[in-house]
Amino acid sequence: ISSDVSLLTDSESIVVRISAPRRTGTT
Protein backbone atom coordinates (compact mmCIF):
# COMPACT_ATOMS: atom_id res chain seq x y z
CA ILE A 1 0.00 0.00 0.00
CA SER A 2 1.24 3.50 -0.80
CA SER A 3 2.70 5.64 1.97
CA ASP A 4 0.05 8.22 1.05
CA VAL A 5 -2.69 5.82 2.17
CA SER A 6 -3.52 5.13 5.83
CA LEU A 7 -4.72 1.64 6.70
CA LEU A 8 -7.73 1.59 9.05
CA THR A 9 -8.42 -2.16 9.08
CA ASP A 10 -6.52 -4.21 11.69
CA SER A 11 -3.21 -5.12 10.04
CA GLU A 12 -3.24 -8.59 11.64
CA SER A 13 -6.60 -9.57 10.14
CA ILE A 14 -6.36 -12.61 7.88
CA VAL A 15 -7.34 -11.98 4.27
CA VAL A 16 -6.46 -15.26 2.53
CA ARG A 17 -5.64 -18.81 3.61
CA ILE A 18 -5.45 -22.07 1.72
CA SER A 19 -7.92 -24.73 2.86
CA ALA A 20 -6.47 -28.23 2.74
CA PRO A 21 -8.32 -30.89 0.72
CA ARG A 22 -10.82 -32.87 2.76
CA ARG A 23 -9.99 -36.57 2.62
CA THR A 24 -12.54 -39.33 2.80
CA GLY A 25 -11.90 -43.05 2.86
CA THR A 26 -13.56 -45.80 0.83
CA THR A 27 -12.93 -49.51 0.74
PDB file of all heavy atoms in Angstrom:
ATOM      1  N   ILE A   1       0.843  -1.185   0.000  1.00  0.00           N
ATOM      2  CA  ILE A   1       0.000   0.000   0.000  1.00  0.00           C
ATOM      3  C   ILE A   1       0.885   1.244   0.000  1.00  0.00           C
ATOM      4  O   ILE A   1       1.965   1.259   0.607  1.00  0.00           O
ATOM      5  CB  ILE A   1      -0.948  -0.027   1.229  1.00  0.00           C
ATOM      6  CG1 ILE A   1      -2.084   0.971   1.070  1.00  0.00           C
ATOM      7  CG2 ILE A   1      -0.203   0.200   2.518  1.00  0.00           C
ATOM      8  CD1 ILE A   1      -3.201   0.765   2.071  1.00  0.00           C
ATOM      9  N   SER A   2       0.460   2.275  -0.690  1.00  0.00           N
ATOM     10  CA  SER A   2       1.241   3.497  -0.800  1.00  0.00           C
ATOM     11  C   SER A   2       1.377   4.182   0.552  1.00  0.00           C
ATOM     12  O   SER A   2       0.500   4.090   1.417  1.00  0.00           O
ATOM     13  CB  SER A   2       0.562   4.440  -1.800  1.00  0.00           C
ATOM     14  OG  SER A   2       1.126   5.736  -1.732  1.00  0.00           O
ATOM     15  N   SER A   3       2.473   4.896   0.728  1.00  0.00           N
ATOM     16  CA  SER A   3       2.697   5.643   1.968  1.00  0.00           C
ATOM     17  C   SER A   3       1.708   6.803   2.104  1.00  0.00           C
ATOM     18  O   SER A   3       1.557   7.369   3.192  1.00  0.00           O
ATOM     19  CB  SER A   3       4.132   6.183   2.013  1.00  0.00           C
ATOM     20  OG  SER A   3       4.388   7.043   0.903  1.00  0.00           O
ATOM     21  N   ASP A   4       1.039   7.148   1.013  1.00  0.00           N
ATOM     22  CA  ASP A   4       0.047   8.218   1.047  1.00  0.00           C
ATOM     23  C   ASP A   4      -1.318   7.731   1.527  1.00  0.00           C
ATOM     24  O   ASP A   4      -2.244   8.535   1.659  1.00  0.00           O
ATOM     25  CB  ASP A   4      -0.114   8.830  -0.353  1.00  0.00           C
ATOM     26  CG  ASP A   4       1.164   9.484  -0.848  1.00  0.00           C
ATOM     27  OD1 ASP A   4       1.837  10.130  -0.035  1.00  0.00           O
ATOM     28  OD2 ASP A   4       1.497   9.317  -2.041  1.00  0.00           O
ATOM     29  N   VAL A   5      -1.421   6.430   1.763  1.00  0.00           N
ATOM     30  CA  VAL A   5      -2.694   5.825   2.170  1.00  0.00           C
ATOM     31  C   VAL A   5      -2.566   5.275   3.584  1.00  0.00           C
ATOM     32  O   VAL A   5      -1.609   4.561   3.903  1.00  0.00           O
ATOM     33  CB  VAL A   5      -3.093   4.696   1.197  1.00  0.00           C
ATOM     34  CG1 VAL A   5      -4.409   4.054   1.641  1.00  0.00           C
ATOM     35  CG2 VAL A   5      -3.215   5.230  -0.221  1.00  0.00           C
ATOM     36  N   SER A   6      -3.517   5.625   4.451  1.00  0.00           N
ATOM     37  CA  SER A   6      -3.524   5.133   5.832  1.00  0.00           C
ATOM     38  C   SER A   6      -4.456   3.937   5.954  1.00  0.00           C
ATOM     39  O   SER A   6      -5.625   3.988   5.530  1.00  0.00           O
ATOM     40  CB  SER A   6      -3.981   6.231   6.794  1.00  0.00           C
ATOM     41  OG  SER A   6      -3.108   7.337   6.745  1.00  0.00           O
ATOM     42  N   LEU A   7      -3.943   2.853   6.530  1.00  0.00           N
ATOM     43  CA  LEU A   7      -4.723   1.638   6.705  1.00  0.00           C
ATOM     44  C   LEU A   7      -5.546   1.736   7.981  1.00  0.00           C
ATOM     45  O   LEU A   7      -5.020   2.019   9.064  1.00  0.00           O
ATOM     46  CB  LEU A   7      -3.777   0.444   6.777  1.00  0.00           C
ATOM     47  CG  LEU A   7      -4.383  -0.942   6.811  1.00  0.00           C
ATOM     48  CD1 LEU A   7      -5.140  -1.229   5.522  1.00  0.00           C
ATOM     49  CD2 LEU A   7      -3.291  -1.975   7.036  1.00  0.00           C
ATOM     50  N   LEU A   8      -6.848   1.511   7.893  1.00  0.00           N
ATOM     51  CA  LEU A   8      -7.731   1.587   9.050  1.00  0.00           C
ATOM     52  C   LEU A   8      -8.156   0.206   9.548  1.00  0.00           C
ATOM     53  O   LEU A   8      -8.516   0.054  10.706  1.00  0.00           O
ATOM     54  CB  LEU A   8      -8.972   2.421   8.718  1.00  0.00           C
ATOM     55  CG  LEU A   8      -8.700   3.860   8.250  1.00  0.00           C
ATOM     56  CD1 LEU A   8     -10.010   4.584   7.999  1.00  0.00           C
ATOM     57  CD2 LEU A   8      -7.857   4.624   9.267  1.00  0.00           C
ATOM     58  N   THR A   9      -8.102  -0.790   8.687  1.00  0.00           N
ATOM     59  CA  THR A   9      -8.421  -2.162   9.083  1.00  0.00           C
ATOM     60  C   THR A   9      -7.252  -2.740   9.883  1.00  0.00           C
ATOM     61  O   THR A   9      -6.089  -2.427   9.610  1.00  0.00           O
ATOM     62  CB  THR A   9      -8.674  -3.030   7.839  1.00  0.00           C
ATOM     63  OG1 THR A   9      -9.770  -2.471   7.105  1.00  0.00           O
ATOM     64  CG2 THR A   9      -9.029  -4.464   8.219  1.00  0.00           C
ATOM     65  N   ASP A  10      -7.551  -3.571  10.867  1.00  0.00           N
ATOM     66  CA  ASP A  10      -6.521  -4.215  11.687  1.00  0.00           C
ATOM     67  C   ASP A  10      -5.512  -4.934  10.791  1.00  0.00           C
ATOM     68  O   ASP A  10      -5.886  -5.806  10.000  1.00  0.00           O
ATOM     69  CB  ASP A  10      -7.182  -5.208  12.643  1.00  0.00           C
ATOM     70  CG  ASP A  10      -6.175  -5.868  13.578  1.00  0.00           C
ATOM     71  OD1 ASP A  10      -4.979  -5.563  13.495  1.00  0.00           O
ATOM     72  OD2 ASP A  10      -6.611  -6.714  14.387  1.00  0.00           O
ATOM     73  N   SER A  11      -4.246  -4.571  10.926  1.00  0.00           N
ATOM     74  CA  SER A  11      -3.211  -5.122  10.042  1.00  0.00           C
ATOM     75  C   SER A  11      -2.996  -6.617  10.238  1.00  0.00           C
ATOM     76  O   SER A  11      -2.447  -7.291   9.366  1.00  0.00           O
ATOM     77  CB  SER A  11      -1.887  -4.383  10.253  1.00  0.00           C
ATOM     78  OG  SER A  11      -1.425  -4.551  11.583  1.00  0.00           O
ATOM     79  N   GLU A  12      -3.431  -7.171  11.372  1.00  0.00           N
ATOM     80  CA  GLU A  12      -3.241  -8.591  11.641  1.00  0.00           C
ATOM     81  C   GLU A  12      -4.409  -9.444  11.152  1.00  0.00           C
ATOM     82  O   GLU A  12      -4.375 -10.678  11.255  1.00  0.00           O
ATOM     83  CB  GLU A  12      -3.027  -8.822  13.143  1.00  0.00           C
ATOM     84  CG  GLU A  12      -1.702  -8.310  13.665  1.00  0.00           C
ATOM     85  CD  GLU A  12      -0.520  -8.934  12.942  1.00  0.00           C
ATOM     86  OE1 GLU A  12      -0.441 -10.182  12.909  1.00  0.00           O
ATOM     87  OE2 GLU A  12       0.307  -8.182  12.376  1.00  0.00           O
ATOM     88  N   SER A  13      -5.442  -8.810  10.634  1.00  0.00           N
ATOM     89  CA  SER A  13      -6.600  -9.565  10.141  1.00  0.00           C
ATOM     90  C   SER A  13      -6.198 -10.435   8.959  1.00  0.00           C
ATOM     91  O   SER A  13      -5.464  -9.999   8.068  1.00  0.00           O
ATOM     92  CB  SER A  13      -7.714  -8.604   9.706  1.00  0.00           C
ATOM     93  OG  SER A  13      -8.184  -7.846  10.801  1.00  0.00           O
ATOM     94  N   ILE A  14      -6.675 -11.677   8.957  1.00  0.00           N
ATOM     95  CA  ILE A  14      -6.362 -12.614   7.875  1.00  0.00           C
ATOM     96  C   ILE A  14      -7.253 -12.317   6.671  1.00  0.00           C
ATOM     97  O   ILE A  14      -8.465 -12.177   6.787  1.00  0.00           O
ATOM     98  CB  ILE A  14      -6.560 -14.066   8.340  1.00  0.00           C
ATOM     99  CG1 ILE A  14      -5.548 -14.400   9.435  1.00  0.00           C
ATOM    100  CG2 ILE A  14      -6.409 -15.040   7.168  1.00  0.00           C
ATOM    101  CD1 ILE A  14      -5.737 -15.773  10.052  1.00  0.00           C
ATOM    102  N   VAL A  15      -6.611 -12.233   5.501  1.00  0.00           N
ATOM    103  CA  VAL A  15      -7.343 -11.976   4.266  1.00  0.00           C
ATOM    104  C   VAL A  15      -7.511 -13.256   3.453  1.00  0.00           C
ATOM    105  O   VAL A  15      -8.582 -13.533   2.918  1.00  0.00           O
ATOM    106  CB  VAL A  15      -6.619 -10.909   3.412  1.00  0.00           C
ATOM    107  CG1 VAL A  15      -7.394 -10.635   2.124  1.00  0.00           C
ATOM    108  CG2 VAL A  15      -6.428  -9.629   4.201  1.00  0.00           C
ATOM    109  N   VAL A  16      -6.431 -14.049   3.357  1.00  0.00           N
ATOM    110  CA  VAL A  16      -6.458 -15.259   2.532  1.00  0.00           C
ATOM    111  C   VAL A  16      -5.734 -16.387   3.264  1.00  0.00           C
ATOM    112  O   VAL A  16      -4.687 -16.185   3.869  1.00  0.00           O
ATOM    113  CB  VAL A  16      -5.773 -15.034   1.159  1.00  0.00           C
ATOM    114  CG1 VAL A  16      -5.733 -16.339   0.367  1.00  0.00           C
ATOM    115  CG2 VAL A  16      -6.494 -13.968   0.364  1.00  0.00           C
ATOM    116  N   ARG A  17      -6.321 -17.588   3.189  1.00  0.00           N
ATOM    117  CA  ARG A  17      -5.644 -18.807   3.611  1.00  0.00           C
ATOM    118  C   ARG A  17      -5.980 -19.894   2.606  1.00  0.00           C
ATOM    119  O   ARG A  17      -6.956 -19.766   1.847  1.00  0.00           O
ATOM    120  CB  ARG A  17      -6.052 -19.231   5.023  1.00  0.00           C
ATOM    121  CG  ARG A  17      -7.538 -19.450   5.211  1.00  0.00           C
ATOM    122  CD  ARG A  17      -7.879 -20.266   6.476  1.00  0.00           C
ATOM    123  NE  ARG A  17      -7.037 -20.014   7.609  1.00  0.00           N
ATOM    124  CZ  ARG A  17      -7.364 -19.239   8.650  1.00  0.00           C
ATOM    125  NH1 ARG A  17      -8.537 -18.609   8.637  1.00  0.00           N
ATOM    126  NH2 ARG A  17      -6.564 -19.094   9.674  1.00  0.00           N
ATOM    127  N   ILE A  18      -5.189 -20.940   2.593  1.00  0.00           N
ATOM    128  CA  ILE A  18      -5.455 -22.071   1.717  1.00  0.00           C
ATOM    129  C   ILE A  18      -6.055 -23.195   2.540  1.00  0.00           C
ATOM    130  O   ILE A  18      -5.464 -23.653   3.523  1.00  0.00           O
ATOM    131  CB  ILE A  18      -4.171 -22.572   1.024  1.00  0.00           C
ATOM    132  CG1 ILE A  18      -3.515 -21.434   0.238  1.00  0.00           C
ATOM    133  CG2 ILE A  18      -4.493 -23.737   0.091  1.00  0.00           C
ATOM    134  CD1 ILE A  18      -4.362 -20.828  -0.838  1.00  0.00           C
ATOM    135  N   SER A  19      -7.262 -23.612   2.171  1.00  0.00           N
ATOM    136  CA  SER A  19      -7.916 -24.727   2.860  1.00  0.00           C
ATOM    137  C   SER A  19      -7.397 -26.038   2.286  1.00  0.00           C
ATOM    138  O   SER A  19      -7.370 -26.231   1.066  1.00  0.00           O
ATOM    139  CB  SER A  19      -9.442 -24.655   2.680  1.00  0.00           C
ATOM    140  OG  SER A  19      -9.946 -23.459   3.244  1.00  0.00           O
ATOM    141  N   ALA A  20      -6.972 -26.937   3.183  1.00  0.00           N
ATOM    142  CA  ALA A  20      -6.468 -28.235   2.740  1.00  0.00           C
ATOM    143  C   ALA A  20      -7.602 -29.078   2.174  1.00  0.00           C
ATOM    144  O   ALA A  20      -8.756 -28.921   2.560  1.00  0.00           O
ATOM    145  CB  ALA A  20      -5.812 -28.968   3.901  1.00  0.00           C
ATOM    146  N   PRO A  21      -7.286 -29.991   1.250  1.00  0.00           N
ATOM    147  CA  PRO A  21      -8.319 -30.888   0.723  1.00  0.00           C
ATOM    148  C   PRO A  21      -8.898 -31.737   1.851  1.00  0.00           C
ATOM    149  O   PRO A  21      -8.183 -32.142   2.766  1.00  0.00           O
ATOM    150  CB  PRO A  21      -7.560 -31.757  -0.288  1.00  0.00           C
ATOM    151  CG  PRO A  21      -6.303 -31.019  -0.582  1.00  0.00           C
ATOM    152  CD  PRO A  21      -5.969 -30.249   0.645  1.00  0.00           C
ATOM    153  N   ARG A  22     -10.195 -31.979   1.784  1.00  0.00           N
ATOM    154  CA  ARG A  22     -10.819 -32.873   2.760  1.00  0.00           C
ATOM    155  C   ARG A  22     -10.692 -34.288   2.228  1.00  0.00           C
ATOM    156  O   ARG A  22     -11.011 -34.572   1.077  1.00  0.00           O
ATOM    157  CB  ARG A  22     -12.289 -32.514   2.946  1.00  0.00           C
ATOM    158  CG  ARG A  22     -12.955 -33.366   4.036  1.00  0.00           C
ATOM    159  CD  ARG A  22     -14.352 -32.861   4.369  1.00  0.00           C
ATOM    160  NE  ARG A  22     -15.244 -32.932   3.223  1.00  0.00           N
ATOM    161  CZ  ARG A  22     -15.796 -31.885   2.642  1.00  0.00           C
ATOM    162  NH1 ARG A  22     -15.499 -30.669   3.063  1.00  0.00           N
ATOM    163  NH2 ARG A  22     -16.606 -32.025   1.616  1.00  0.00           N
ATOM    164  N   ARG A  23     -10.234 -35.197   3.052  1.00  0.00           N
ATOM    165  CA  ARG A  23      -9.986 -36.574   2.618  1.00  0.00           C
ATOM    166  C   ARG A  23     -11.026 -37.509   3.220  1.00  0.00           C
ATOM    167  O   ARG A  23     -11.302 -37.461   4.408  1.00  0.00           O
ATOM    168  CB  ARG A  23      -8.569 -37.016   3.008  1.00  0.00           C
ATOM    169  CG  ARG A  23      -7.496 -36.132   2.407  1.00  0.00           C
ATOM    170  CD  ARG A  23      -6.099 -36.618   2.751  1.00  0.00           C
ATOM    171  NE  ARG A  23      -5.082 -35.709   2.208  1.00  0.00           N
ATOM    172  CZ  ARG A  23      -4.660 -35.730   0.956  1.00  0.00           C
ATOM    173  NH1 ARG A  23      -5.153 -36.623   0.118  1.00  0.00           N
ATOM    174  NH2 ARG A  23      -3.744 -34.885   0.525  1.00  0.00           N
ATOM    175  N   THR A  24     -11.570 -38.335   2.362  1.00  0.00           N
ATOM    176  CA  THR A  24     -12.542 -39.334   2.795  1.00  0.00           C
ATOM    177  C   THR A  24     -12.042 -40.703   2.393  1.00  0.00           C
ATOM    178  O   THR A  24     -11.336 -40.857   1.399  1.00  0.00           O
ATOM    179  CB  THR A  24     -13.919 -39.082   2.144  1.00  0.00           C
ATOM    180  OG1 THR A  24     -13.789 -39.143   0.731  1.00  0.00           O
ATOM    181  CG2 THR A  24     -14.462 -37.717   2.556  1.00  0.00           C
ATOM    182  N   GLY A  25     -12.380 -41.698   3.145  1.00  0.00           N
ATOM    183  CA  GLY A  25     -11.897 -43.052   2.863  1.00  0.00           C
ATOM    184  C   GLY A  25     -12.987 -43.951   2.324  1.00  0.00           C
ATOM    185  O   GLY A  25     -14.128 -43.909   2.783  1.00  0.00           O
ATOM    186  N   THR A  26     -12.643 -44.785   1.350  1.00  0.00           N
ATOM    187  CA  THR A  26     -13.559 -45.798   0.829  1.00  0.00           C
ATOM    188  C   THR A  26     -12.810 -47.119   0.775  1.00  0.00           C
ATOM    189  O   THR A  26     -11.582 -47.167   0.764  1.00  0.00           O
ATOM    190  CB  THR A  26     -14.052 -45.439  -0.591  1.00  0.00           C
ATOM    191  OG1 THR A  26     -12.934 -45.356  -1.462  1.00  0.00           O
ATOM    192  CG2 THR A  26     -14.794 -44.107  -0.583  1.00  0.00           C
ATOM    193  N   THR A  27     -13.532 -48.176   0.765  1.00  0.00           N
ATOM    194  CA  THR A  27     -12.927 -49.510   0.736  1.00  0.00           C
ATOM    195  C   THR A  27     -13.063 -50.107  -0.647  1.00  0.00           C
ATOM    196  O   THR A  27     -14.146 -50.102  -1.236  1.00  0.00           O
ATOM    197  CB  THR A  27     -13.605 -50.438   1.762  1.00  0.00           C
ATOM    198  OG1 THR A  27     -13.510 -49.835   3.045  1.00  0.00           O
ATOM    199  CG2 THR A  27     -12.924 -51.795   1.791  1.00  0.00           C
TER     200      THR A  27
END
